[in-house]
């Protein structure tokens, strides 16, 4: 399965990152989440910082380019197969670095991709 890291997770049910965590879990996808503070979203523990992770297939971003800076090298070190830039998260610098590292980048919406069976 496509183990997914959601960056920008929040316990706020109105946030798209929260909706993505719930929807991904609903599709049976293993989810790891990182946010500003430790919390949980249903059965997913939201971690802070840059915890050691393995076997990440997809990183889906819910933080803007300025807030991605502390995560760029971390994301690249995880060697995911792809990075999804959700609306408002596109970052040319990260895209270039990812593509140079052989990581696919997609500008799309995780929620839409799931609903259209394109995830």
N, C-alpha and C. Protein backbone atom coordinates (compact mmCIF):
# COMPACT_ATOMS: atom_id res chain seq x y z
N UNK A 1 0.85 -1.19 0.00
CA UNK A 1 0.00 0.00 0.00
C UNK A 1 0.88 1.23 0.00
N UNK A 2 0.32 2.35 -0.31
CA UNK A 2 1.06 3.60 -0.45
C UNK A 2 1.12 4.37 0.87
N UNK A 3 2.01 3.92 1.76
CA UNK A 3 2.16 4.59 3.05
C UNK A 3 2.42 6.07 2.81
N UNK A 4 1.60 6.89 3.46
CA UNK A 4 1.60 8.32 3.17
C UNK A 4 1.93 9.15 4.40
N UNK A 5 2.80 10.14 4.19
CA UNK A 5 3.11 11.13 5.21
C UNK A 5 2.35 12.40 4.89
N UNK A 6 1.52 12.84 5.82
CA UNK A 6 0.79 14.10 5.69
C UNK A 6 1.53 15.14 6.52
N UNK A 7 2.03 16.19 5.86
CA UNK A 7 2.71 17.26 6.57
C UNK A 7 1.77 18.46 6.64
N UNK A 8 1.50 18.89 7.88
CA UNK A 8 0.57 19.99 8.12
C UNK A 8 -0.69 19.53 8.80
N UNK A 9 -0.63 18.35 9.41
CA UNK A 9 -1.81 17.78 10.07
C UNK A 9 -2.22 18.62 11.27
N UNK A 10 -3.52 18.66 11.50
CA UNK A 10 -4.10 19.44 12.58
C UNK A 10 -5.32 18.70 13.12
N UNK A 11 -5.62 18.88 14.41
CA UNK A 11 -6.83 18.24 14.93
C UNK A 11 -8.12 18.96 14.51
N UNK A 12 -7.99 20.13 13.88
CA UNK A 12 -9.15 20.90 13.45
C UNK A 12 -9.87 20.15 12.32
N UNK A 13 -11.11 19.72 12.54
CA UNK A 13 -11.81 18.93 11.52
C UNK A 13 -12.14 19.69 10.24
N UNK A 14 -12.00 21.01 10.26
CA UNK A 14 -12.28 21.80 9.07
C UNK A 14 -11.06 21.92 8.14
N UNK A 15 -9.90 21.54 8.62
CA UNK A 15 -8.68 21.63 7.81
C UNK A 15 -8.62 20.50 6.79
N UNK A 16 -8.13 20.83 5.60
CA UNK A 16 -8.03 19.82 4.56
C UNK A 16 -7.05 18.71 4.91
N UNK A 17 -6.00 19.04 5.65
CA UNK A 17 -5.05 18.00 6.07
C UNK A 17 -5.74 16.97 6.95
N UNK A 18 -6.63 17.43 7.83
CA UNK A 18 -7.37 16.51 8.69
C UNK A 18 -8.30 15.64 7.86
N UNK A 19 -8.98 16.26 6.91
CA UNK A 19 -9.86 15.50 6.02
C UNK A 19 -9.07 14.47 5.23
N UNK A 20 -7.85 14.85 4.81
CA UNK A 20 -7.02 13.92 4.05
C UNK A 20 -6.61 12.72 4.90
N UNK A 21 -6.20 12.97 6.14
CA UNK A 21 -5.83 11.87 7.03
C UNK A 21 -7.00 10.91 7.16
N UNK A 22 -8.18 11.43 7.42
CA UNK A 22 -9.36 10.58 7.60
C UNK A 22 -9.71 9.82 6.32
N UNK A 23 -9.66 10.51 5.19
CA UNK A 23 -10.02 9.87 3.92
C UNK A 23 -9.00 8.80 3.54
N UNK A 24 -7.72 9.10 3.71
CA UNK A 24 -6.68 8.11 3.42
C UNK A 24 -6.89 6.86 4.28
N UNK A 25 -7.15 7.06 5.57
CA UNK A 25 -7.41 5.92 6.46
C UNK A 25 -8.65 5.15 6.00
N UNK A 26 -9.66 5.88 5.54
CA UNK A 26 -10.87 5.25 5.05
C UNK A 26 -10.63 4.36 3.84
N UNK A 27 -9.58 4.67 3.08
CA UNK A 27 -9.20 3.86 1.93
C UNK A 27 -8.22 2.76 2.32
N UNK A 28 -7.95 2.64 3.61
CA UNK A 28 -7.06 1.59 4.08
C UNK A 28 -5.58 1.90 3.91
N UNK A 29 -5.25 3.15 3.68
CA UNK A 29 -3.87 3.55 3.48
C UNK A 29 -3.24 3.88 4.83
N UNK A 30 -2.04 3.35 5.07
CA UNK A 30 -1.31 3.66 6.29
C UNK A 30 -0.88 5.13 6.24
N UNK A 31 -1.13 5.85 7.32
CA UNK A 31 -0.85 7.28 7.36
C UNK A 31 0.05 7.60 8.54
N UNK A 32 1.03 8.45 8.27
CA UNK A 32 1.86 9.05 9.30
C UNK A 32 1.62 10.55 9.16
N UNK A 33 1.50 11.25 10.27
CA UNK A 33 1.17 12.67 10.19
C UNK A 33 2.13 13.51 11.03
N UNK A 34 2.47 14.68 10.49
CA UNK A 34 3.30 15.64 11.20
C UNK A 34 2.54 16.96 11.25
N UNK A 35 2.55 17.58 12.42
CA UNK A 35 1.88 18.87 12.60
C UNK A 35 2.65 19.75 13.56
N UNK A 36 2.04 20.87 13.92
CA UNK A 36 2.69 21.81 14.84
C UNK A 36 2.72 21.31 16.27
N UNK A 37 1.71 20.49 16.63
CA UNK A 37 1.69 19.96 17.99
C UNK A 37 1.22 18.51 17.98
N UNK A 38 1.66 17.79 18.99
CA UNK A 38 1.28 16.39 19.08
C UNK A 38 -0.20 16.28 19.42
N UNK A 39 -0.87 15.40 18.71
CA UNK A 39 -2.29 15.17 18.92
C UNK A 39 -2.62 13.86 18.21
N UNK A 40 -3.89 13.57 18.07
CA UNK A 40 -4.31 12.43 17.26
C UNK A 40 -5.47 12.84 16.37
N UNK A 41 -5.55 12.19 15.24
CA UNK A 41 -6.69 12.32 14.33
C UNK A 41 -7.20 10.90 14.15
N UNK A 42 -8.34 10.63 14.76
CA UNK A 42 -8.87 9.27 14.84
C UNK A 42 -7.78 8.37 15.40
N UNK A 43 -7.30 7.38 14.63
CA UNK A 43 -6.29 6.46 15.16
C UNK A 43 -4.87 6.84 14.74
N UNK A 44 -4.70 8.01 14.16
CA UNK A 44 -3.39 8.44 13.67
C UNK A 44 -2.76 9.42 14.66
N UNK A 45 -1.58 9.07 15.12
CA UNK A 45 -0.84 9.94 16.03
C UNK A 45 -0.14 11.02 15.20
N UNK A 46 -0.36 12.28 15.55
CA UNK A 46 0.30 13.38 14.86
C UNK A 46 1.57 13.70 15.63
N UNK A 47 2.70 13.59 14.93
CA UNK A 47 4.00 13.86 15.54
C UNK A 47 4.46 15.27 15.17
N UNK A 48 5.47 15.75 15.86
CA UNK A 48 6.06 17.05 15.54
C UNK A 48 7.48 16.84 15.06
N UNK A 49 8.05 17.88 14.48
CA UNK A 49 9.45 17.83 14.05
C UNK A 49 9.66 16.94 12.85
N UNK A 50 10.78 16.22 12.88
CA UNK A 50 11.15 15.36 11.76
C UNK A 50 11.49 13.96 12.29
N UNK A 51 10.47 13.22 12.68
CA UNK A 51 10.71 11.90 13.26
C UNK A 51 11.28 10.92 12.24
N UNK A 52 12.06 9.95 12.71
CA UNK A 52 12.58 8.94 11.78
C UNK A 52 11.43 8.09 11.24
N UNK A 53 11.37 7.97 9.93
CA UNK A 53 10.32 7.20 9.28
C UNK A 53 10.92 6.33 8.19
N UNK A 54 10.24 5.25 7.88
CA UNK A 54 10.70 4.35 6.82
C UNK A 54 9.54 4.01 5.90
N UNK A 55 9.89 3.62 4.70
CA UNK A 55 8.94 3.10 3.71
C UNK A 55 7.82 4.08 3.37
N UNK A 56 8.14 5.36 3.28
CA UNK A 56 7.14 6.35 2.88
C UNK A 56 7.04 6.34 1.36
N UNK A 57 5.87 6.07 0.85
CA UNK A 57 5.63 6.08 -0.59
C UNK A 57 5.31 7.49 -1.07
N UNK A 58 4.42 8.18 -0.34
CA UNK A 58 3.93 9.48 -0.76
C UNK A 58 4.03 10.48 0.38
N UNK A 59 4.47 11.68 0.06
CA UNK A 59 4.40 12.81 0.99
C UNK A 59 3.37 13.76 0.41
N UNK A 60 2.35 14.10 1.18
CA UNK A 60 1.35 15.05 0.73
C UNK A 60 1.43 16.28 1.62
N UNK A 61 1.58 17.44 0.99
CA UNK A 61 1.85 18.68 1.70
C UNK A 61 0.61 19.53 1.92
N UNK A 62 0.48 20.00 3.15
CA UNK A 62 -0.58 20.92 3.54
C UNK A 62 -0.01 22.12 4.27
N UNK A 63 1.23 22.47 3.96
CA UNK A 63 1.86 23.68 4.48
C UNK A 63 2.42 24.46 3.30
N UNK A 64 2.34 25.77 3.38
CA UNK A 64 2.81 26.63 2.30
C UNK A 64 4.32 26.57 2.15
N UNK A 65 4.83 27.12 1.05
CA UNK A 65 6.27 27.07 0.77
C UNK A 65 7.16 27.60 1.88
N UNK A 66 6.79 28.70 2.52
CA UNK A 66 7.63 29.24 3.60
C UNK A 66 7.72 28.28 4.77
N UNK A 67 6.64 27.59 5.06
CA UNK A 67 6.62 26.65 6.19
C UNK A 67 7.21 25.29 5.82
N UNK A 68 7.54 25.09 4.56
CA UNK A 68 8.16 23.83 4.13
C UNK A 68 9.66 23.82 4.35
N UNK A 69 10.25 24.99 4.50
CA UNK A 69 11.72 25.09 4.56
C UNK A 69 12.36 24.12 5.55
N UNK A 70 11.84 23.99 6.79
CA UNK A 70 12.49 23.05 7.71
C UNK A 70 12.31 21.58 7.33
N UNK A 71 11.44 21.31 6.36
CA UNK A 71 11.14 19.93 5.99
C UNK A 71 11.79 19.48 4.68
N UNK A 72 12.34 20.39 3.90
CA UNK A 72 12.80 20.03 2.55
C UNK A 72 13.83 18.90 2.59
N UNK A 73 14.91 19.07 3.32
CA UNK A 73 15.94 18.02 3.36
C UNK A 73 15.39 16.74 4.00
N UNK A 74 14.52 16.90 4.98
CA UNK A 74 13.88 15.75 5.62
C UNK A 74 13.06 14.95 4.61
N UNK A 75 12.23 15.64 3.85
CA UNK A 75 11.40 14.96 2.84
C UNK A 75 12.28 14.22 1.85
N UNK A 76 13.31 14.87 1.36
CA UNK A 76 14.21 14.24 0.39
C UNK A 76 14.91 13.02 1.00
N UNK A 77 15.25 13.10 2.29
CA UNK A 77 15.93 11.98 2.94
C UNK A 77 15.03 10.75 3.10
N UNK A 78 13.72 10.96 3.08
CA UNK A 78 12.79 9.84 3.19
C UNK A 78 12.69 9.05 1.89
N UNK A 79 13.14 9.65 0.80
CA UNK A 79 13.13 9.03 -0.53
C UNK A 79 11.75 8.49 -0.90
N UNK A 80 10.73 9.33 -0.82
CA UNK A 80 9.41 8.86 -1.23
C UNK A 80 9.37 8.69 -2.75
N UNK A 81 8.39 7.96 -3.22
CA UNK A 81 8.22 7.83 -4.67
C UNK A 81 7.62 9.09 -5.27
N UNK A 82 6.80 9.80 -4.45
CA UNK A 82 6.19 11.02 -4.98
C UNK A 82 5.87 12.00 -3.86
N UNK A 83 5.75 13.26 -4.29
CA UNK A 83 5.32 14.34 -3.42
C UNK A 83 4.11 14.98 -4.07
N UNK A 84 3.04 15.15 -3.30
CA UNK A 84 1.84 15.82 -3.80
C UNK A 84 1.81 17.23 -3.24
N UNK A 85 1.81 18.21 -4.14
CA UNK A 85 1.64 19.61 -3.76
C UNK A 85 0.15 19.92 -3.84
N UNK A 86 -0.51 19.96 -2.71
CA UNK A 86 -1.92 20.32 -2.67
C UNK A 86 -2.05 21.81 -2.97
N UNK A 87 -3.25 22.30 -3.32
CA UNK A 87 -3.41 23.72 -3.64
C UNK A 87 -2.80 24.63 -2.57
N UNK A 88 -2.01 25.59 -3.01
CA UNK A 88 -1.38 26.55 -2.12
C UNK A 88 -0.04 26.10 -1.55
N UNK A 89 0.43 24.91 -1.94
CA UNK A 89 1.68 24.40 -1.37
C UNK A 89 2.80 24.28 -2.39
N UNK A 90 2.56 24.64 -3.63
CA UNK A 90 3.59 24.48 -4.67
C UNK A 90 4.86 25.22 -4.28
N UNK A 91 5.99 24.54 -4.45
CA UNK A 91 7.29 25.09 -4.09
C UNK A 91 8.29 24.69 -5.17
N UNK A 92 8.68 25.66 -5.99
CA UNK A 92 9.58 25.38 -7.11
C UNK A 92 10.90 24.76 -6.64
N UNK A 93 11.45 25.27 -5.54
CA UNK A 93 12.72 24.77 -5.03
C UNK A 93 12.61 23.30 -4.65
N UNK A 94 11.57 22.95 -3.90
CA UNK A 94 11.38 21.55 -3.51
C UNK A 94 11.13 20.68 -4.74
N UNK A 95 10.35 21.17 -5.66
CA UNK A 95 10.05 20.40 -6.88
C UNK A 95 11.34 20.08 -7.63
N UNK A 96 12.21 21.07 -7.82
CA UNK A 96 13.47 20.85 -8.54
C UNK A 96 14.36 19.85 -7.81
N UNK A 97 14.48 20.02 -6.50
CA UNK A 97 15.32 19.11 -5.72
C UNK A 97 14.76 17.68 -5.75
N UNK A 98 13.45 17.57 -5.65
CA UNK A 98 12.82 16.25 -5.66
C UNK A 98 13.04 15.56 -7.01
N UNK A 99 12.81 16.29 -8.08
CA UNK A 99 12.97 15.69 -9.40
C UNK A 99 14.42 15.30 -9.65
N UNK A 100 15.35 16.11 -9.16
CA UNK A 100 16.78 15.77 -9.30
C UNK A 100 17.10 14.48 -8.54
N UNK A 101 16.38 14.25 -7.44
CA UNK A 101 16.57 13.03 -6.63
C UNK A 101 15.75 11.85 -7.15
N UNK A 102 15.04 12.04 -8.27
CA UNK A 102 14.25 10.95 -8.85
C UNK A 102 12.89 10.75 -8.21
N UNK A 103 12.39 11.79 -7.52
CA UNK A 103 11.09 11.72 -6.86
C UNK A 103 10.07 12.42 -7.75
N UNK A 104 8.97 11.73 -8.06
CA UNK A 104 7.90 12.34 -8.84
C UNK A 104 7.23 13.44 -8.03
N UNK A 105 6.81 14.49 -8.72
CA UNK A 105 6.05 15.55 -8.06
C UNK A 105 4.74 15.74 -8.80
N UNK A 106 3.70 15.99 -8.03
CA UNK A 106 2.36 16.15 -8.59
C UNK A 106 1.73 17.39 -7.97
N UNK A 107 1.17 18.24 -8.81
CA UNK A 107 0.39 19.38 -8.31
C UNK A 107 -1.07 19.00 -8.45
N UNK A 108 -1.68 18.62 -7.35
CA UNK A 108 -3.05 18.14 -7.37
C UNK A 108 -3.61 18.22 -5.96
N UNK A 109 -4.79 17.70 -5.79
CA UNK A 109 -5.45 17.67 -4.49
C UNK A 109 -5.61 16.21 -4.08
N UNK A 110 -5.04 15.85 -2.96
CA UNK A 110 -5.12 14.47 -2.47
C UNK A 110 -6.57 14.00 -2.37
N UNK A 111 -7.44 14.86 -1.87
CA UNK A 111 -8.85 14.48 -1.71
C UNK A 111 -9.51 14.19 -3.05
N UNK A 112 -9.21 14.99 -4.04
CA UNK A 112 -9.77 14.78 -5.38
C UNK A 112 -9.18 13.51 -5.99
N UNK A 113 -7.88 13.34 -5.84
CA UNK A 113 -7.25 12.14 -6.37
C UNK A 113 -7.88 10.87 -5.80
N UNK A 114 -8.14 10.88 -4.50
CA UNK A 114 -8.77 9.72 -3.87
C UNK A 114 -10.18 9.50 -4.42
N UNK A 115 -10.94 10.57 -4.54
CA UNK A 115 -12.34 10.43 -4.99
C UNK A 115 -12.43 9.98 -6.45
N UNK A 116 -11.37 10.21 -7.22
CA UNK A 116 -11.37 9.82 -8.63
C UNK A 116 -10.57 8.56 -8.88
N UNK A 117 -10.20 7.85 -7.81
CA UNK A 117 -9.38 6.63 -7.92
C UNK A 117 -8.08 6.87 -8.66
N UNK A 118 -7.46 8.01 -8.44
CA UNK A 118 -6.19 8.34 -9.09
C UNK A 118 -5.05 8.43 -8.09
N UNK A 119 -5.29 7.97 -6.87
CA UNK A 119 -4.27 8.07 -5.85
C UNK A 119 -3.25 6.96 -6.06
